Amino acid sequence: MSLIAGILTGIIGIASLTLYPVLLSIGIAPVTANATVTVAQVGAGA
Protein backbone atom coordinates (compact mmCIF):
# COMPACT_ATOMS: atom_id res chain seq x y z
CA MET A 1 0.00 0.00 0.00
CA SER A 2 2.79 2.44 0.82
CA LEU A 3 4.39 1.75 -2.57
CA ILE A 4 1.18 2.81 -4.32
CA ALA A 5 0.97 5.94 -2.15
CA GLY A 6 4.57 6.81 -3.01
CA ILE A 7 3.96 6.37 -6.71
CA LEU A 8 0.83 8.52 -6.60
CA THR A 9 2.63 11.24 -4.64
CA GLY A 10 5.39 11.25 -7.23
CA ILE A 11 2.88 11.56 -10.05
CA ILE A 12 1.15 14.46 -8.30
CA GLY A 13 4.52 16.16 -7.75
CA ILE A 14 5.45 15.88 -11.41
CA ALA A 15 1.98 17.03 -12.47
CA SER A 16 2.23 20.11 -10.26
CA LEU A 17 5.39 21.18 -12.10
CA THR A 18 3.41 21.35 -15.33
CA LEU A 19 0.05 22.35 -13.85
CA TYR A 20 1.18 25.71 -12.42
CA PRO A 21 2.49 27.17 -15.72
CA VAL A 22 -0.58 25.86 -17.57
CA LEU A 23 -2.91 27.54 -15.09
CA LEU A 24 -0.99 30.80 -15.47
CA SER A 25 -1.06 30.58 -19.26
CA ILE A 26 -4.85 30.25 -19.36
CA GLY A 27 -5.27 33.35 -17.25
CA ILE A 28 -5.67 32.04 -13.71
CA ALA A 29 -4.27 34.41 -11.08
CA PRO A 30 -0.92 33.29 -9.59
CA VAL A 31 -2.33 33.05 -6.06
CA THR A 32 -5.24 30.90 -7.23
CA ALA A 33 -2.94 28.69 -9.31
CA ASN A 34 -0.62 28.23 -6.34
CA ALA A 35 -3.54 27.37 -4.06
CA THR A 36 -4.80 24.80 -6.57
CA VAL A 37 -1.42 23.07 -6.73
CA THR A 38 -1.08 23.17 -2.93
CA VAL A 39 -4.49 21.56 -2.43
CA ALA A 40 -3.56 18.81 -4.87
CA GLN A 41 -0.32 18.13 -3.01
CA VAL A 42 -2.02 18.11 0.40
CA GLY A 43 -4.56 15.63 -0.94
CA ALA A 44 -1.76 13.38 -2.19
CA GLY A 45 0.04 13.60 1.15
CA ALA A 46 -3.03 12.49 3.06
PDB file of N, CA and C in Angstrom:
ATOM      1  N   MET A   1       0.818  -1.193   0.000  1.00  0.00           N
ATOM      2  CA  MET A   1       0.000   0.000   0.000  1.00  0.00           C
ATOM      3  C   MET A   1       0.864   1.259   0.000  1.00  0.00           C
ATOM      4  N   SER A   2       1.942   1.250   0.771  1.00  0.00           N
ATOM      5  CA  SER A   2       2.791   2.436   0.825  1.00  0.00           C
ATOM      6  C   SER A   2       3.504   2.668  -0.508  1.00  0.00           C
ATOM      7  N   LEU A   3       3.779   1.598  -1.254  1.00  0.00           N
ATOM      8  CA  LEU A   3       4.389   1.751  -2.572  1.00  0.00           C
ATOM      9  C   LEU A   3       3.445   2.492  -3.509  1.00  0.00           C
ATOM     10  N   ILE A   4       2.182   2.142  -3.480  1.00  0.00           N
ATOM     11  CA  ILE A   4       1.183   2.814  -4.318  1.00  0.00           C
ATOM     12  C   ILE A   4       1.070   4.281  -3.922  1.00  0.00           C
ATOM     13  N   ALA A   5       1.054   4.562  -2.620  1.00  0.00           N
ATOM     14  CA  ALA A   5       0.969   5.944  -2.145  1.00  0.00           C
ATOM     15  C   ALA A   5       2.190   6.744  -2.608  1.00  0.00           C
ATOM     16  N   GLY A   6       3.361   6.141  -2.566  1.00  0.00           N
ATOM     17  CA  GLY A   6       4.574   6.809  -3.015  1.00  0.00           C
ATOM     18  C   GLY A   6       4.547   7.116  -4.498  1.00  0.00           C
ATOM     19  N   ILE A   7       4.063   6.159  -5.272  1.00  0.00           N
ATOM     20  CA  ILE A   7       3.963   6.374  -6.714  1.00  0.00           C
ATOM     21  C   ILE A   7       2.983   7.499  -7.019  1.00  0.00           C
ATOM     22  N   LEU A   8       1.825   7.482  -6.370  1.00  0.00           N
ATOM     23  CA  LEU A   8       0.827   8.523  -6.600  1.00  0.00           C
ATOM     24  C   LEU A   8       1.343   9.901  -6.187  1.00  0.00           C
ATOM     25  N   THR A   9       2.058   9.962  -5.080  1.00  0.00           N
ATOM     26  CA  THR A   9       2.625  11.242  -4.637  1.00  0.00           C
ATOM     27  C   THR A   9       3.642  11.759  -5.649  1.00  0.00           C
ATOM     28  N   GLY A  10       4.432  10.863  -6.198  1.00  0.00           N
ATOM     29  CA  GLY A  10       5.387  11.250  -7.231  1.00  0.00           C
ATOM     30  C   GLY A  10       4.709  11.777  -8.484  1.00  0.00           C
ATOM     31  N   ILE A  11       3.635  11.117  -8.873  1.00  0.00           N
ATOM     32  CA  ILE A  11       2.884  11.558 -10.052  1.00  0.00           C
ATOM     33  C   ILE A  11       2.288  12.941  -9.814  1.00  0.00           C
ATOM     34  N   ILE A  12       1.719  13.151  -8.627  1.00  0.00           N
ATOM     35  CA  ILE A  12       1.147  14.465  -8.297  1.00  0.00           C
ATOM     36  C   ILE A  12       2.237  15.531  -8.300  1.00  0.00           C
ATOM     37  N   GLY A  13       3.412  15.203  -7.777  1.00  0.00           N
ATOM     38  CA  GLY A  13       4.518  16.162  -7.747  1.00  0.00           C
ATOM     39  C   GLY A  13       4.959  16.565  -9.138  1.00  0.00           C
ATOM     40  N   ILE A  14       5.064  15.581 -10.034  1.00  0.00           N
ATOM     41  CA  ILE A  14       5.445  15.881 -11.412  1.00  0.00           C
ATOM     42  C   ILE A  14       4.349  16.684 -12.103  1.00  0.00           C
ATOM     43  N   ALA A  15       3.096  16.318 -11.850  1.00  0.00           N
ATOM     44  CA  ALA A  15       1.977  17.031 -12.472  1.00  0.00           C
ATOM     45  C   ALA A  15       1.930  18.485 -12.011  1.00  0.00           C
ATOM     46  N   SER A  16       2.286  18.730 -10.756  1.00  0.00           N
ATOM     47  CA  SER A  16       2.235  20.109 -10.261  1.00  0.00           C
ATOM     48  C   SER A  16       3.275  20.992 -10.942  1.00  0.00           C
ATOM     49  N   LEU A  17       4.382  20.401 -11.378  1.00  0.00           N
ATOM     50  CA  LEU A  17       5.395  21.178 -12.100  1.00  0.00           C
ATOM     51  C   LEU A  17       4.859  21.689 -13.432  1.00  0.00           C
ATOM     52  N   THR A  18       3.980  20.924 -14.047  1.00  0.00           N
ATOM     53  CA  THR A  18       3.409  21.347 -15.327  1.00  0.00           C
ATOM     54  C   THR A  18       2.080  22.066 -15.135  1.00  0.00           C
ATOM     55  N   LEU A  19       1.370  21.766 -14.066  1.00  0.00           N
ATOM     56  CA  LEU A  19       0.050  22.353 -13.852  1.00  0.00           C
ATOM     57  C   LEU A  19       0.130  23.861 -13.586  1.00  0.00           C
ATOM     58  N   TYR A  20       1.082  24.291 -12.789  1.00  0.00           N
ATOM     59  CA  TYR A  20       1.183  25.707 -12.423  1.00  0.00           C
ATOM     60  C   TYR A  20       1.371  26.605 -13.655  1.00  0.00           C
ATOM     61  N   PRO A  21       2.346  26.315 -14.531  1.00  0.00           N
ATOM     62  CA  PRO A  21       2.489  27.168 -15.722  1.00  0.00           C
ATOM     63  C   PRO A  21       1.265  27.118 -16.644  1.00  0.00           C
ATOM     64  N   VAL A  22       0.621  25.963 -16.728  1.00  0.00           N
ATOM     65  CA  VAL A  22      -0.578  25.856 -17.569  1.00  0.00           C
ATOM     66  C   VAL A  22      -1.687  26.736 -17.011  1.00  0.00           C
ATOM     67  N   LEU A  23      -1.880  26.691 -15.706  1.00  0.00           N
ATOM     68  CA  LEU A  23      -2.909  27.536 -15.093  1.00  0.00           C
ATOM     69  C   LEU A  23      -2.613  29.015 -15.326  1.00  0.00           C
ATOM     70  N   LEU A  24      -1.355  29.403 -15.221  1.00  0.00           N
ATOM     71  CA  LEU A  24      -0.986  30.800 -15.474  1.00  0.00           C
ATOM     72  C   LEU A  24      -1.221  31.175 -16.933  1.00  0.00           C
ATOM     73  N   SER A  25      -0.926  30.262 -17.844  1.00  0.00           N
ATOM     74  CA  SER A  25      -1.056  30.581 -19.264  1.00  0.00           C
ATOM     75  C   SER A  25      -2.510  30.722 -19.705  1.00  0.00           C
ATOM     76  N   ILE A  26      -3.439  30.100 -18.970  1.00  0.00           N
ATOM     77  CA  ILE A  26      -4.848  30.246 -19.357  1.00  0.00           C
ATOM     78  C   ILE A  26      -5.524  31.397 -18.623  1.00  0.00           C
ATOM     79  N   GLY A  27      -4.737  32.132 -17.848  1.00  0.00           N
ATOM     80  CA  GLY A  27      -5.267  33.354 -17.250  1.00  0.00           C
ATOM     81  C   GLY A  27      -5.684  33.258 -15.792  1.00  0.00           C
ATOM     82  N   ILE A  28      -5.359  32.165 -15.133  1.00  0.00           N
ATOM     83  CA  ILE A  28      -5.666  32.036 -13.707  1.00  0.00           C
ATOM     84  C   ILE A  28      -4.667  32.904 -12.928  1.00  0.00           C
ATOM     85  N   ALA A  29      -5.153  33.569 -11.903  1.00  0.00           N
ATOM     86  CA  ALA A  29      -4.274  34.409 -11.079  1.00  0.00           C
ATOM     87  C   ALA A  29      -3.208  33.546 -10.394  1.00  0.00           C
ATOM     88  N   PRO A  30      -1.999  34.079 -10.212  1.00  0.00           N
ATOM     89  CA  PRO A  30      -0.925  33.294  -9.592  1.00  0.00           C
ATOM     90  C   PRO A  30      -1.276  32.741  -8.211  1.00  0.00           C
ATOM     91  N   VAL A  31      -1.969  33.527  -7.402  1.00  0.00           N
ATOM     92  CA  VAL A  31      -2.327  33.054  -6.056  1.00  0.00           C
ATOM     93  C   VAL A  31      -3.305  31.881  -6.153  1.00  0.00           C
ATOM     94  N   THR A  32      -4.266  31.975  -7.054  1.00  0.00           N
ATOM     95  CA  THR A  32      -5.238  30.902  -7.232  1.00  0.00           C
ATOM     96  C   THR A  32      -4.564  29.649  -7.787  1.00  0.00           C
ATOM     97  N   ALA A  33      -3.664  29.830  -8.740  1.00  0.00           N
ATOM     98  CA  ALA A  33      -2.942  28.690  -9.309  1.00  0.00           C
ATOM     99  C   ALA A  33      -2.100  28.001  -8.237  1.00  0.00           C
ATOM    100  N   ASN A  34      -1.437  28.791  -7.415  1.00  0.00           N
ATOM    101  CA  ASN A  34      -0.619  28.228  -6.344  1.00  0.00           C
ATOM    102  C   ASN A  34      -1.489  27.480  -5.337  1.00  0.00           C
ATOM    103  N   ALA A  35      -2.636  28.036  -5.005  1.00  0.00           N
ATOM    104  CA  ALA A  35      -3.544  27.367  -4.063  1.00  0.00           C
ATOM    105  C   ALA A  35      -4.046  26.055  -4.640  1.00  0.00           C
ATOM    106  N   THR A  36      -4.326  26.025  -5.933  1.00  0.00           N
ATOM    107  CA  THR A  36      -4.795  24.799  -6.574  1.00  0.00           C
ATOM    108  C   THR A  36      -3.742  23.703  -6.493  1.00  0.00           C
ATOM    109  N   VAL A  37      -2.506  24.042  -6.790  1.00  0.00           N
ATOM    110  CA  VAL A  37      -1.418  23.070  -6.732  1.00  0.00           C
ATOM    111  C   VAL A  37      -1.199  22.605  -5.291  1.00  0.00           C
ATOM    112  N   THR A  38      -1.275  23.523  -4.342  1.00  0.00           N
ATOM    113  CA  THR A  38      -1.085  23.172  -2.934  1.00  0.00           C
ATOM    114  C   THR A  38      -2.170  22.221  -2.451  1.00  0.00           C
ATOM    115  N   VAL A  39      -3.396  22.469  -2.822  1.00  0.00           N
ATOM    116  CA  VAL A  39      -4.493  21.565  -2.426  1.00  0.00           C
ATOM    117  C   VAL A  39      -4.283  20.177  -3.010  1.00  0.00           C
ATOM    118  N   ALA A  40      -3.826  20.109  -4.252  1.00  0.00           N
ATOM    119  CA  ALA A  40      -3.565  18.809  -4.867  1.00  0.00           C
ATOM    120  C   ALA A  40      -2.464  18.060  -4.127  1.00  0.00           C
ATOM    121  N   GLN A  41      -1.428  18.772  -3.713  1.00  0.00           N
ATOM    122  CA  GLN A  41      -0.321  18.133  -3.007  1.00  0.00           C
ATOM    123  C   GLN A  41      -0.732  17.696  -1.603  1.00  0.00           C
ATOM    124  N   VAL A  42      -1.550  18.487  -0.936  1.00  0.00           N
ATOM    125  CA  VAL A  42      -2.024  18.107   0.399  1.00  0.00           C
ATOM    126  C   VAL A  42      -2.892  16.857   0.302  1.00  0.00           C
ATOM    127  N   GLY A  43      -3.732  16.808  -0.728  1.00  0.00           N
ATOM    128  CA  GLY A  43      -4.562  15.629  -0.938  1.00  0.00           C
ATOM    129  C   GLY A  43      -3.723  14.384  -1.183  1.00  0.00           C
ATOM    130  N   ALA A  44      -2.642  14.535  -1.919  1.00  0.00           N
ATOM    131  CA  ALA A  44      -1.758  13.377  -2.191  1.00  0.00           C
ATOM    132  C   ALA A  44      -1.029  12.961  -0.917  1.00  0.00           C
ATOM    133  N   GLY A  45      -0.673  13.933  -0.087  1.00  0.00           N
ATOM    134  CA  GLY A  45       0.039  13.603   1.151  1.00  0.00           C
ATOM    135  C   GLY A  45      -0.834  12.885   2.169  1.00  0.00           C
ATOM    136  N   ALA A  46      -2.112  13.154   2.116  1.00  0.00           N
ATOM    137  CA  ALA A  46      -3.028  12.494   3.063  1.00  0.00           C
ATOM    138  C   ALA A  46      -3.221  11.067   2.648  1.00  0.00           C
TER     139      ALA A  46
END
